[in-house]
Amino acid sequence: GSAMIDGIDILENPIAAKRRIGFLPEQPPLYLDMTVKEYLNFVY
């Protein structure tokens, strides 16, 4: 089967598709020893 994001196949072109997705998994991917400022700049 296939999964498309904005017309882009997530398996065939994962980088382009992932740029169109913001994902919050059940366990947030946080670094607990960082400040909020450091973490958001890291993700940026």
PDB file of all heavy atoms in Angstrom:
ATOM      1  N   GLY A   1       0.817  -1.206   0.000  1.00  0.00           N
ATOM      2  CA  GLY A   1       0.000   0.000   0.000  1.00  0.00           C
ATOM      3  C   GLY A   1       0.850   1.256   0.000  1.00  0.00           C
ATOM      4  O   GLY A   1       2.088   1.194  -0.045  1.00  0.00           O
ATOM      5  N   SER A   2       0.198   2.420   0.043  1.00  0.00           N
ATOM      6  CA  SER A   2       0.927   3.688  -0.024  1.00  0.00           C
ATOM      7  C   SER A   2       0.344   4.707   0.939  1.00  0.00           C
ATOM      8  O   SER A   2      -0.833   4.655   1.294  1.00  0.00           O
ATOM      9  CB  SER A   2       0.884   4.256  -1.450  1.00  0.00           C
ATOM     10  OG  SER A   2      -0.457   4.561  -1.819  1.00  0.00           O
ATOM     11  N   ALA A   3       1.213   5.644   1.364  1.00  0.00           N
ATOM     12  CA  ALA A   3       0.811   6.764   2.217  1.00  0.00           C
ATOM     13  C   ALA A   3       1.321   8.042   1.570  1.00  0.00           C
ATOM     14  O   ALA A   3       2.524   8.192   1.354  1.00  0.00           O
ATOM     15  CB  ALA A   3       1.377   6.598   3.622  1.00  0.00           C
ATOM     16  N   MET A   4       0.415   8.954   1.249  1.00  0.00           N
ATOM     17  CA  MET A   4       0.761  10.183   0.542  1.00  0.00           C
ATOM     18  C   MET A   4       0.495  11.400   1.425  1.00  0.00           C
ATOM     19  O   MET A   4      -0.544  11.499   2.080  1.00  0.00           O
ATOM     20  CB  MET A   4      -0.069  10.310  -0.738  1.00  0.00           C
ATOM     21  CG  MET A   4      -0.103   9.073  -1.613  1.00  0.00           C
ATOM     22  SD  MET A   4       1.426   8.794  -2.503  1.00  0.00           S
ATOM     23  CE  MET A   4       1.286  10.053  -3.781  1.00  0.00           C
ATOM     24  N   ILE A   5       1.434  12.333   1.433  1.00  0.00           N
ATOM     25  CA  ILE A   5       1.288  13.615   2.122  1.00  0.00           C
ATOM     26  C   ILE A   5       1.404  14.718   1.077  1.00  0.00           C
ATOM     27  O   ILE A   5       2.457  14.893   0.458  1.00  0.00           O
ATOM     28  CB  ILE A   5       2.374  13.820   3.199  1.00  0.00           C
ATOM     29  CG1 ILE A   5       2.409  12.653   4.185  1.00  0.00           C
ATOM     30  CG2 ILE A   5       2.166  15.149   3.917  1.00  0.00           C
ATOM     31  CD1 ILE A   5       1.181  12.540   5.042  1.00  0.00           C
ATOM     32  N   ASP A   6       0.313  15.433   0.866  1.00  0.00           N
ATOM     33  CA  ASP A   6       0.307  16.523  -0.115  1.00  0.00           C
ATOM     34  C   ASP A   6       0.805  16.042  -1.483  1.00  0.00           C
ATOM     35  O   ASP A   6       1.572  16.722  -2.162  1.00  0.00           O
ATOM     36  CB  ASP A   6       1.164  17.679   0.388  1.00  0.00           C
ATOM     37  CG  ASP A   6       0.841  19.001  -0.293  1.00  0.00           C
ATOM     38  OD1 ASP A   6      -0.218  19.087  -0.951  1.00  0.00           O
ATOM     39  OD2 ASP A   6       1.649  19.943  -0.190  1.00  0.00           O
ATOM     40  N   GLY A   7       0.388  14.823  -1.851  1.00  0.00           N
ATOM     41  CA  GLY A   7       0.757  14.259  -3.152  1.00  0.00           C
ATOM     42  C   GLY A   7       2.115  13.598  -3.201  1.00  0.00           C
ATOM     43  O   GLY A   7       2.536  13.116  -4.261  1.00  0.00           O
ATOM     44  N   ILE A   8       2.827  13.548  -2.081  1.00  0.00           N
ATOM     45  CA  ILE A   8       4.175  12.978  -2.038  1.00  0.00           C
ATOM     46  C   ILE A   8       4.145  11.651  -1.280  1.00  0.00           C
ATOM     47  O   ILE A   8       3.657  11.582  -0.151  1.00  0.00           O
ATOM     48  CB  ILE A   8       5.167  13.941  -1.359  1.00  0.00           C
ATOM     49  CG1 ILE A   8       5.211  15.271  -2.113  1.00  0.00           C
ATOM     50  CG2 ILE A   8       6.564  13.331  -1.292  1.00  0.00           C
ATOM     51  CD1 ILE A   8       5.973  16.353  -1.386  1.00  0.00           C
ATOM     52  N   ASP A   9       4.677  10.602  -1.879  1.00  0.00           N
ATOM     53  CA  ASP A   9       4.720   9.285  -1.244  1.00  0.00           C
ATOM     54  C   ASP A   9       5.772   9.288  -0.140  1.00  0.00           C
ATOM     55  O   ASP A   9       6.942   9.586  -0.387  1.00  0.00           O
ATOM     56  CB  ASP A   9       5.046   8.211  -2.283  1.00  0.00           C
ATOM     57  CG  ASP A   9       4.827   6.798  -1.753  1.00  0.00           C
ATOM     58  OD1 ASP A   9       5.427   6.453  -0.721  1.00  0.00           O
ATOM     59  OD2 ASP A   9       4.043   6.043  -2.376  1.00  0.00           O
ATOM     60  N   ILE A  10       5.347   8.952   1.086  1.00  0.00           N
ATOM     61  CA  ILE A  10       6.244   9.018   2.234  1.00  0.00           C
ATOM     62  C   ILE A  10       7.404   8.035   2.124  1.00  0.00           C
ATOM     63  O   ILE A  10       8.488   8.273   2.671  1.00  0.00           O
ATOM     64  CB  ILE A  10       5.462   8.778   3.550  1.00  0.00           C
ATOM     65  CG1 ILE A  10       6.317   9.075   4.786  1.00  0.00           C
ATOM     66  CG2 ILE A  10       4.919   7.355   3.612  1.00  0.00           C
ATOM     67  CD1 ILE A  10       6.599  10.510   5.034  1.00  0.00           C
ATOM     68  N   LEU A  11       7.210   6.921   1.408  1.00  0.00           N
ATOM     69  CA  LEU A  11       8.275   5.932   1.272  1.00  0.00           C
ATOM     70  C   LEU A  11       9.202   6.247   0.103  1.00  0.00           C
ATOM     71  O   LEU A  11      10.408   6.023   0.185  1.00  0.00           O
ATOM     72  CB  LEU A  11       7.676   4.535   1.102  1.00  0.00           C
ATOM     73  CG  LEU A  11       6.887   4.004   2.314  1.00  0.00           C
ATOM     74  CD1 LEU A  11       6.333   2.627   2.016  1.00  0.00           C
ATOM     75  CD2 LEU A  11       7.750   3.979   3.559  1.00  0.00           C
ATOM     76  N   GLU A  12       8.657   6.806  -0.979  1.00  0.00           N
ATOM     77  CA  GLU A  12       9.473   7.107  -2.148  1.00  0.00           C
ATOM     78  C   GLU A  12      10.261   8.405  -1.988  1.00  0.00           C
ATOM     79  O   GLU A  12      11.373   8.529  -2.500  1.00  0.00           O
ATOM     80  CB  GLU A  12       8.583   7.191  -3.400  1.00  0.00           C
ATOM     81  CG  GLU A  12       7.972   5.856  -3.805  1.00  0.00           C
ATOM     82  CD  GLU A  12       7.154   5.969  -5.079  1.00  0.00           C
ATOM     83  OE1 GLU A  12       7.082   7.084  -5.638  1.00  0.00           O
ATOM     84  OE2 GLU A  12       6.586   4.949  -5.508  1.00  0.00           O
ATOM     85  N   ASN A  13       9.690   9.364  -1.286  1.00  0.00           N
ATOM     86  CA  ASN A  13      10.358  10.653  -1.091  1.00  0.00           C
ATOM     87  C   ASN A  13      10.164  11.104   0.354  1.00  0.00           C
ATOM     88  O   ASN A  13       9.454  12.079   0.627  1.00  0.00           O
ATOM     89  CB  ASN A  13       9.800  11.689  -2.072  1.00  0.00           C
ATOM     90  CG  ASN A  13      10.695  12.900  -2.213  1.00  0.00           C
ATOM     91  OD1 ASN A  13      11.612  13.102  -1.414  1.00  0.00           O
ATOM     92  ND2 ASN A  13      10.430  13.719  -3.216  1.00  0.00           N
ATOM     93  N   PRO A  14      10.775  10.397   1.299  1.00  0.00           N
ATOM     94  CA  PRO A  14      10.489  10.640   2.722  1.00  0.00           C
ATOM     95  C   PRO A  14      10.872  12.024   3.219  1.00  0.00           C
ATOM     96  O   PRO A  14      10.164  12.598   4.044  1.00  0.00           O
ATOM     97  CB  PRO A  14      11.296   9.548   3.434  1.00  0.00           C
ATOM     98  CG  PRO A  14      12.360   9.140   2.466  1.00  0.00           C
ATOM     99  CD  PRO A  14      11.756   9.297   1.114  1.00  0.00           C
ATOM    100  N   ILE A  15      11.974  12.581   2.744  1.00  0.00           N
ATOM    101  CA  ILE A  15      12.419  13.884   3.251  1.00  0.00           C
ATOM    102  C   ILE A  15      11.427  14.975   2.875  1.00  0.00           C
ATOM    103  O   ILE A  15      11.007  15.787   3.715  1.00  0.00           O
ATOM    104  CB  ILE A  15      13.830  14.220   2.730  1.00  0.00           C
ATOM    105  CG1 ILE A  15      14.844  13.243   3.335  1.00  0.00           C
ATOM    106  CG2 ILE A  15      14.205  15.663   3.088  1.00  0.00           C
ATOM    107  CD1 ILE A  15      16.255  13.428   2.829  1.00  0.00           C
ATOM    108  N   ALA A  16      11.011  14.993   1.611  1.00  0.00           N
ATOM    109  CA  ALA A  16      10.055  16.012   1.158  1.00  0.00           C
ATOM    110  C   ALA A  16       8.718  15.858   1.863  1.00  0.00           C
ATOM    111  O   ALA A  16       8.077  16.843   2.239  1.00  0.00           O
ATOM    112  CB  ALA A  16       9.872  15.923  -0.353  1.00  0.00           C
ATOM    113  N   ALA A  17       8.275  14.602   2.062  1.00  0.00           N
ATOM    114  CA  ALA A  17       6.992  14.365   2.719  1.00  0.00           C
ATOM    115  C   ALA A  17       7.047  14.761   4.190  1.00  0.00           C
ATOM    116  O   ALA A  17       6.120  15.393   4.713  1.00  0.00           O
ATOM    117  CB  ALA A  17       6.602  12.900   2.577  1.00  0.00           C
ATOM    118  N   LYS A  18       8.138  14.414   4.867  1.00  0.00           N
ATOM    119  CA  LYS A  18       8.262  14.712   6.295  1.00  0.00           C
ATOM    120  C   LYS A  18       8.330  16.206   6.571  1.00  0.00           C
ATOM    121  O   LYS A  18       7.960  16.647   7.664  1.00  0.00           O
ATOM    122  CB  LYS A  18       9.487  14.007   6.871  1.00  0.00           C
ATOM    123  CG  LYS A  18       9.315  12.494   6.998  1.00  0.00           C
ATOM    124  CD  LYS A  18      10.567  11.843   7.544  1.00  0.00           C
ATOM    125  CE  LYS A  18      10.414  10.326   7.629  1.00  0.00           C
ATOM    126  NZ  LYS A  18      11.620   9.668   8.157  1.00  0.00           N
ATOM    127  N   ARG A  19       8.816  16.978   5.611  1.00  0.00           N
ATOM    128  CA  ARG A  19       8.843  18.430   5.795  1.00  0.00           C
ATOM    129  C   ARG A  19       7.449  19.020   5.896  1.00  0.00           C
ATOM    130  O   ARG A  19       7.269  20.131   6.377  1.00  0.00           O
ATOM    131  CB  ARG A  19       9.592  19.090   4.631  1.00  0.00           C
ATOM    132  CG  ARG A  19      11.106  18.951   4.731  1.00  0.00           C
ATOM    133  CD  ARG A  19      11.802  19.660   3.612  1.00  0.00           C
ATOM    134  NE  ARG A  19      13.247  19.537   3.743  1.00  0.00           N
ATOM    135  CZ  ARG A  19      14.086  19.401   2.734  1.00  0.00           C
ATOM    136  NH1 ARG A  19      13.619  19.375   1.491  1.00  0.00           N
ATOM    137  NH2 ARG A  19      15.382  19.306   2.940  1.00  0.00           N
ATOM    138  N   ARG A  20       6.459  18.266   5.443  1.00  0.00           N
ATOM    139  CA  ARG A  20       5.068  18.724   5.479  1.00  0.00           C
ATOM    140  C   ARG A  20       4.314  18.201   6.700  1.00  0.00           C
ATOM    141  O   ARG A  20       3.119  18.387   6.816  1.00  0.00           O
ATOM    142  CB  ARG A  20       4.355  18.295   4.197  1.00  0.00           C
ATOM    143  CG  ARG A  20       4.843  19.072   2.967  1.00  0.00           C
ATOM    144  CD  ARG A  20       4.488  18.362   1.672  1.00  0.00           C
ATOM    145  NE  ARG A  20       4.743  19.208   0.516  1.00  0.00           N
ATOM    146  CZ  ARG A  20       5.940  19.418  -0.018  1.00  0.00           C
ATOM    147  NH1 ARG A  20       7.008  18.829   0.517  1.00  0.00           N
ATOM    148  NH2 ARG A  20       6.086  20.210  -1.064  1.00  0.00           N
ATOM    149  N   ILE A  21       5.041  17.525   7.603  1.00  0.00           N
ATOM    150  CA  ILE A  21       4.398  16.899   8.764  1.00  0.00           C
ATOM    151  C   ILE A  21       5.013  17.418  10.061  1.00  0.00           C
ATOM    152  O   ILE A  21       6.229  17.493  10.198  1.00  0.00           O
ATOM    153  CB  ILE A  21       4.570  15.366   8.732  1.00  0.00           C
ATOM    154  CG1 ILE A  21       3.945  14.764   7.487  1.00  0.00           C
ATOM    155  CG2 ILE A  21       3.939  14.729   9.974  1.00  0.00           C
ATOM    156  CD1 ILE A  21       4.277  13.295   7.299  1.00  0.00           C
ATOM    157  N   GLY A  22       4.143  17.747  11.010  1.00  0.00           N
ATOM    158  CA  GLY A  22       4.569  17.963  12.384  1.00  0.00           C
ATOM    159  C   GLY A  22       3.991  16.839  13.218  1.00  0.00           C
ATOM    160  O   GLY A  22       2.779  16.626  13.210  1.00  0.00           O
ATOM    161  N   PHE A  23       4.837  16.094  13.932  1.00  0.00           N
ATOM    162  CA  PHE A  23       4.392  14.874  14.606  1.00  0.00           C
ATOM    163  C   PHE A  23       4.673  14.950  16.099  1.00  0.00           C
ATOM    164  O   PHE A  23       5.794  15.236  16.524  1.00  0.00           O
ATOM    165  CB  PHE A  23       5.115  13.668  13.994  1.00  0.00           C
ATOM    166  CG  PHE A  23       4.702  12.333  14.555  1.00  0.00           C
ATOM    167  CD1 PHE A  23       3.392  12.067  14.907  1.00  0.00           C
ATOM    168  CD2 PHE A  23       5.644  11.318  14.714  1.00  0.00           C
ATOM    169  CE1 PHE A  23       3.009  10.830  15.407  1.00  0.00           C
ATOM    170  CE2 PHE A  23       5.279  10.072  15.211  1.00  0.00           C
ATOM    171  CZ  PHE A  23       3.951   9.835  15.559  1.00  0.00           C
ATOM    172  N   LEU A  24       3.635  14.695  16.891  1.00  0.00           N
ATOM    173  CA  LEU A  24       3.793  14.536  18.330  1.00  0.00           C
ATOM    174  C   LEU A  24       3.467  13.098  18.683  1.00  0.00           C
ATOM    175  O   LEU A  24       2.297  12.718  18.740  1.00  0.00           O
ATOM    176  CB  LEU A  24       2.858  15.482  19.098  1.00  0.00           C
ATOM    177  CG  LEU A  24       2.873  15.311  20.622  1.00  0.00           C
ATOM    178  CD1 LEU A  24       4.220  15.728  21.201  1.00  0.00           C
ATOM    179  CD2 LEU A  24       1.748  16.098  21.265  1.00  0.00           C
ATOM    180  N   PRO A  25       4.479  12.247  18.906  1.00  0.00           N
ATOM    181  CA  PRO A  25       4.209  10.860  19.293  1.00  0.00           C
ATOM    182  C   PRO A  25       3.665  10.791  20.711  1.00  0.00           C
ATOM    183  O   PRO A  25       3.651  11.790  21.443  1.00  0.00           O
ATOM    184  CB  PRO A  25       5.583  10.182  19.189  1.00  0.00           C
ATOM    185  CG  PRO A  25       6.571  11.287  19.306  1.00  0.00           C
ATOM    186  CD  PRO A  25       5.915  12.524  18.764  1.00  0.00           C
ATOM    187  N   GLU A  26       3.210   9.607  21.108  1.00  0.00           N
ATOM    188  CA  GLU A  26       2.611   9.441  22.435  1.00  0.00           C
ATOM    189  C   GLU A  26       3.594   9.841  23.535  1.00  0.00           C
ATOM    190  O   GLU A  26       3.213  10.443  24.534  1.00  0.00           O
ATOM    191  CB  GLU A  26       2.160   7.987  22.624  1.00  0.00           C
ATOM    192  CG  GLU A  26       1.427   7.755  23.925  1.00  0.00           C
ATOM    193  CD  GLU A  26       0.861   6.355  24.028  1.00  0.00           C
ATOM    194  OE1 GLU A  26       0.865   5.624  23.018  1.00  0.00           O
ATOM    195  OE2 GLU A  26       0.409   5.984  25.122  1.00  0.00           O
ATOM    196  N   GLN A  27       4.875   9.525  23.346  1.00  0.00           N
ATOM    197  CA  GLN A  27       5.921   9.980  24.250  1.00  0.00           C
ATOM    198  C   GLN A  27       6.670  11.127  23.564  1.00  0.00           C
ATOM    199  O   GLN A  27       7.425  10.895  22.636  1.00  0.00           O
ATOM    200  CB  GLN A  27       6.893   8.836  24.578  1.00  0.00           C
ATOM    201  CG  GLN A  27       6.275   7.674  25.330  1.00  0.00           C
ATOM    202  CD  GLN A  27       5.773   8.076  26.706  1.00  0.00           C
ATOM    203  OE1 GLN A  27       6.370   8.920  27.377  1.00  0.00           O
ATOM    204  NE2 GLN A  27       4.662   7.485  27.126  1.00  0.00           N
ATOM    205  N   PRO A  28       6.460  12.382  23.983  1.00  0.00           N
ATOM    206  CA  PRO A  28       7.092  13.516  23.303  1.00  0.00           C
ATOM    207  C   PRO A  28       8.611  13.366  23.257  1.00  0.00           C
ATOM    208  O   PRO A  28       9.237  12.973  24.254  1.00  0.00           O
ATOM    209  CB  PRO A  28       6.690  14.718  24.180  1.00  0.00           C
ATOM    210  CG  PRO A  28       5.436  14.290  24.856  1.00  0.00           C
ATOM    211  CD  PRO A  28       5.592  12.812  25.094  1.00  0.00           C
ATOM    212  N   PRO A  29       9.220  13.648  22.099  1.00  0.00           N
ATOM    213  CA  PRO A  29      10.667  13.452  21.937  1.00  0.00           C
ATOM    214  C   PRO A  29      11.460  14.609  22.544  1.00  0.00           C
ATOM    215  O   PRO A  29      12.061  15.430  21.837  1.00  0.00           O
ATOM    216  CB  PRO A  29      10.821  13.412  20.410  1.00  0.00           C
ATOM    217  CG  PRO A  29       9.729  14.312  19.916  1.00  0.00           C
ATOM    218  CD  PRO A  29       8.583  14.137  20.870  1.00  0.00           C
ATOM    219  N   LEU A  30      11.482  14.683  23.856  1.00  0.00           N
ATOM    220  CA  LEU A  30      12.102  15.807  24.555  1.00  0.00           C
ATOM    221  C   LEU A  30      13.451  15.417  25.155  1.00  0.00           C
ATOM    222  O   LEU A  30      13.651  14.265  25.552  1.00  0.00           O
ATOM    223  CB  LEU A  30      11.182  16.302  25.671  1.00  0.00           C
ATOM    224  CG  LEU A  30       9.750  16.672  25.280  1.00  0.00           C
ATOM    225  CD1 LEU A  30       8.948  17.057  26.509  1.00  0.00           C
ATOM    226  CD2 LEU A  30       9.743  17.802  24.252  1.00  0.00           C
ATOM    227  N   TYR A  31      14.358  16.404  25.223  1.00  0.00           N
ATOM    228  CA  TYR A  31      15.619  16.249  25.947  1.00  0.00           C
ATOM    229  C   TYR A  31      15.461  16.979  27.269  1.00  0.00           C
ATOM    230  O   TYR A  31      15.471  18.207  27.324  1.00  0.00           O
ATOM    231  CB  TYR A  31      16.782  16.803  25.132  1.00  0.00           C
ATOM    232  CG  TYR A  31      17.118  15.963  23.920  1.00  0.00           C
ATOM    233  CD1 TYR A  31      16.633  16.283  22.663  1.00  0.00           C
ATOM    234  CD2 TYR A  31      17.918  14.824  24.054  1.00  0.00           C
ATOM    235  CE1 TYR A  31      16.918  15.499  21.556  1.00  0.00           C
ATOM    236  CE2 TYR A  31      18.210  14.029  22.953  1.00  0.00           C
ATOM    237  CZ  TYR A  31      17.714  14.375  21.716  1.00  0.00           C
ATOM    238  OH  TYR A  31      18.007  13.592  20.633  1.00  0.00           O
ATOM    239  N   LEU A  32      15.315  16.221  28.342  1.00  0.00           N
ATOM    240  CA  LEU A  32      14.911  16.793  29.619  1.00  0.00           C
ATOM    241  C   LEU A  32      15.978  17.677  30.257  1.00  0.00           C
ATOM    242  O   LEU A  32      15.672  18.488  31.132  1.00  0.00           O
ATOM    243  CB  LEU A  32      14.521  15.673  30.587  1.00  0.00           C
ATOM    244  CG  LEU A  32      13.385  14.747  30.119  1.00  0.00           C
ATOM    245  CD1 LEU A  32      13.036  13.754  31.215  1.00  0.00           C
ATOM    246  CD2 LEU A  32      12.158  15.550  29.711  1.00  0.00           C
ATOM    247  N   ASP A  33      17.249  17.529  29.822  1.00  0.00           N
ATOM    248  CA  ASP A  33      18.309  18.351  30.407  1.00  0.00           C
ATOM    249  C   ASP A  33      18.502  19.675  29.666  1.00  0.00           C
ATOM    250  O   ASP A  33      19.319  20.507  30.067  1.00  0.00           O
ATOM    251  CB  ASP A  33      19.627  17.573  30.441  1.00  0.00           C
ATOM    252  CG  ASP A  33      20.054  17.069  29.067  1.00  0.00           C
ATOM    253  OD1 ASP A  33      19.192  17.035  28.158  1.00  0.00           O
ATOM    254  OD2 ASP A  33      21.224  16.693  28.902  1.00  0.00           O
ATOM    255  N   MET A  34      17.729  19.876  28.575  1.00  0.00           N
ATOM    256  CA  MET A  34      17.786  21.144  27.831  1.00  0.00           C
ATOM    257  C   MET A  34      16.741  22.117  28.361  1.00  0.00           C
ATOM    258  O   MET A  34      15.717  21.710  28.910  1.00  0.00           O
ATOM    259  CB  MET A  34      17.493  20.906  26.342  1.00  0.00           C
ATOM    260  CG  MET A  34      18.601  20.272  25.552  1.00  0.00           C
ATOM    261  SD  MET A  34      18.123  20.199  23.785  1.00  0.00           S
ATOM    262  CE  MET A  34      19.653  19.650  23.060  1.00  0.00           C
ATOM    263  N   THR A  35      17.009  23.410  28.171  1.00  0.00           N
ATOM    264  CA  THR A  35      15.946  24.382  28.404  1.00  0.00           C
ATOM    265  C   THR A  35      15.002  24.353  27.202  1.00  0.00           C
ATOM    266  O   THR A  35      15.348  23.812  26.140  1.00  0.00           O
ATOM    267  CB  THR A  35      16.504  25.801  28.570  1.00  0.00           C
ATOM    268  OG1 THR A  35      17.112  26.210  27.337  1.00  0.00           O
ATOM    269  CG2 THR A  35      17.515  25.883  29.709  1.00  0.00           C
ATOM    270  N   VAL A  36      13.840  24.926  27.375  1.00  0.00           N
ATOM    271  CA  VAL A  36      12.891  24.999  26.258  1.00  0.00           C
ATOM    272  C   VAL A  36      13.530  25.750  25.088  1.00  0.00           C
ATOM    273  O   VAL A  36      13.408  25.334  23.929  1.00  0.00           O
ATOM    274  CB  VAL A  36      11.588  25.699  26.707  1.00  0.00           C
ATOM    275  CG1 VAL A  36      10.653  25.906  25.508  1.00  0.00           C
ATOM    276  CG2 VAL A  36      10.891  24.887  27.795  1.00  0.00           C
ATOM    277  N   LYS A  37      14.220  26.834  25.384  1.00  0.00           N
ATOM    278  CA  LYS A  37      14.884  27.635  24.347  1.00  0.00           C
ATOM    279  C   LYS A  37      15.897  26.787  23.594  1.00  0.00           C
ATOM    280  O   LYS A  37      15.924  26.785  22.352  1.00  0.00           O
ATOM    281  CB  LYS A  37      15.567  28.834  24.995  1.00  0.00           C
ATOM    282  CG  LYS A  37      16.364  29.695  24.022  1.00  0.00           C
ATOM    283  CD  LYS A  37      17.039  30.861  24.752  1.00  0.00           C
ATOM    284  CE  LYS A  37      17.873  31.698  23.779  1.00  0.00           C
ATOM    285  NZ  LYS A  37      18.522  32.845  24.474  1.00  0.00           N
ATOM    286  N   GLU A  38      16.756  26.072  24.320  1.00  0.00           N
ATOM    287  CA  GLU A  38      17.784  25.252  23.674  1.00  0.00           C
ATOM    288  C   GLU A  38      17.147  24.162  22.813  1.00  0.00           C
ATOM    289  O   GLU A  38      17.595  23.898  21.690  1.00  0.00           O
ATOM    290  CB  GLU A  38      18.678  24.612  24.745  1.00  0.00           C
ATOM    291  CG  GLU A  38      19.572  25.605  25.472  1.00  0.00           C
ATOM    292  CD  GLU A  38      20.232  24.983  26.696  1.00  0.00           C
ATOM    293  OE1 GLU A  38      19.742  23.942  27.193  1.00  0.00           O
ATOM    294  OE2 GLU A  38      21.242  25.554  27.157  1.00  0.00           O
ATOM    295  N   TYR A  39      16.104  23.552  23.335  1.00  0.00           N
ATOM    296  CA  TYR A  39      15.464  22.454  22.625  1.00  0.00           C
ATOM    297  C   TYR A  39      14.803  22.923  21.332  1.00  0.00           C
ATOM    298  O   TYR A  39      14.976  22.300  20.274  1.00  0.00           O
ATOM    299  CB  TYR A  39      14.433  21.785  23.530  1.00  0.00           C
ATOM    300  CG  TYR A  39      13.631  20.704  22.840  1.00  0.00           C
ATOM    301  CD1 TYR A  39      14.221  19.512  22.440  1.00  0.00           C
ATOM    302  CD2 TYR A  39      12.275  20.893  22.570  1.00  0.00           C
ATOM    303  CE1 TYR A  39      13.486  18.531  21.808  1.00  0.00           C
ATOM    304  CE2 TYR A  39      11.535  19.908  21.940  1.00  0.00           C
ATOM    305  CZ  TYR A  39      12.144  18.733  21.556  1.00  0.00           C
ATOM    306  OH  TYR A  39      11.423  17.763  20.915  1.00  0.00           O
ATOM    307  N   LEU A  40      14.050  24.012  21.377  1.00  0.00           N
ATOM    308  CA  LEU A  40      13.360  24.481  20.174  1.00  0.00           C
ATOM    309  C   LEU A  40      14.357  24.966  19.120  1.00  0.00           C
ATOM    310  O   LEU A  40      14.128  24.771  17.920  1.00  0.00           O
ATOM    311  CB  LEU A  40      12.370  25.591  20.533  1.00  0.00           C
ATOM    312  CG  LEU A  40      11.181  25.151  21.398  1.00  0.00           C
ATOM    313  CD1 LEU A  40      10.238  26.325  21.644  1.00  0.00           C
ATOM    314  CD2 LEU A  40      10.422  23.990  20.769  1.00  0.00           C
ATOM    315  N   ASN A  41      15.445  25.562  19.549  1.00  0.00           N
ATOM    316  CA  ASN A  41      16.481  25.952  18.582  1.00  0.00           C
ATOM    317  C   ASN A  41      17.175  24.729  17.987  1.00  0.00           C
ATOM    318  O   ASN A  41      17.530  24.726  16.808  1.00  0.00           O
ATOM    319  CB  ASN A  41      17.505  26.873  19.258  1.00  0.00           C
ATOM    320  CG  ASN A  41      17.052  28.324  19.296  1.00  0.00           C
ATOM    321  OD1 ASN A  41      17.215  29.067  18.321  1.00  0.00           O
ATOM    322  ND2 ASN A  41      16.446  28.719  20.411  1.00  0.00           N
ATOM    323  N   PHE A  42      17.343  23.684  18.805  1.00  0.00           N
ATOM    324  CA  PHE A  42      17.899  22.425  18.311  1.00  0.00           C
ATOM    325  C   PHE A  42      17.003  21.813  17.242  1.00  0.00           C
ATOM    326  O   PHE A  42      17.471  21.377  16.179  1.00  0.00           O
ATOM    327  CB  PHE A  42      18.081  21.474  19.491  1.00  0.00           C
ATOM    328  CG  PHE A  42      18.376  20.052  19.093  1.00  0.00           C
ATOM    329  CD1 PHE A  42      19.597  19.688  18.545  1.00  0.00           C
ATOM    330  CD2 PHE A  42      17.412  19.057  19.262  1.00  0.00           C
ATOM    331  CE1 PHE A  42      19.853  18.372  18.174  1.00  0.00           C
ATOM    332  CE2 PHE A  42      17.660  17.744  18.896  1.00  0.00           C
ATOM    333  CZ  PHE A  42      18.890  17.404  18.351  1.00  0.00           C
ATOM    334  N   VAL A  43      15.695  21.779  17.503  1.00  0.00           N
ATOM    335  CA  VAL A  43      14.740  21.228  16.536  1.00  0.00           C
ATOM    336  C   VAL A  43      14.713  22.083  15.275  1.00  0.00           C
ATOM    337  O   VAL A  43      14.636  21.558  14.153  1.00  0.00           O
ATOM    338  CB  VAL A  43      13.332  21.125  17.156  1.00  0.00           C
ATOM    339  CG1 VAL A  43      12.307  20.677  16.116  1.00  0.00           C
ATOM    340  CG2 VAL A  43      13.337  20.151  18.328  1.00  0.00           C
ATOM    341  N   TYR A  44      14.797  23.401  15.430  1.00  0.00           N
ATOM    342  CA  TYR A  44      14.849  24.311  14.282  1.00  0.00           C
ATOM    343  C   TYR A  44      16.005  23.929  13.358  1.00  0.00           C
ATOM    344  O   TYR A  44      15.849  23.846  12.135  1.00  0.00           O
ATOM    345  CB  TYR A  44      15.000  25.753  14.786  1.00  0.00           C
ATOM    346  CG  TYR A  44      15.105  26.808  13.704  1.00  0.00           C
ATOM    347  CD1 TYR A  44      13.992  27.533  13.311  1.00  0.00           C
ATOM    348  CD2 TYR A  44      16.329  27.085  13.086  1.00  0.00           C
ATOM    349  CE1 TYR A  44      14.083  28.504  12.317  1.00  0.00           C
ATOM    350  CE2 TYR A  44      16.436  28.049  12.097  1.00  0.00           C
ATOM    351  CZ  TYR A  44      15.309  28.755  11.718  1.00  0.00           C
ATOM    352  OH  TYR A  44      15.405  29.717  10.735  1.00  0.00           O
TER     353      TYR A  44
END
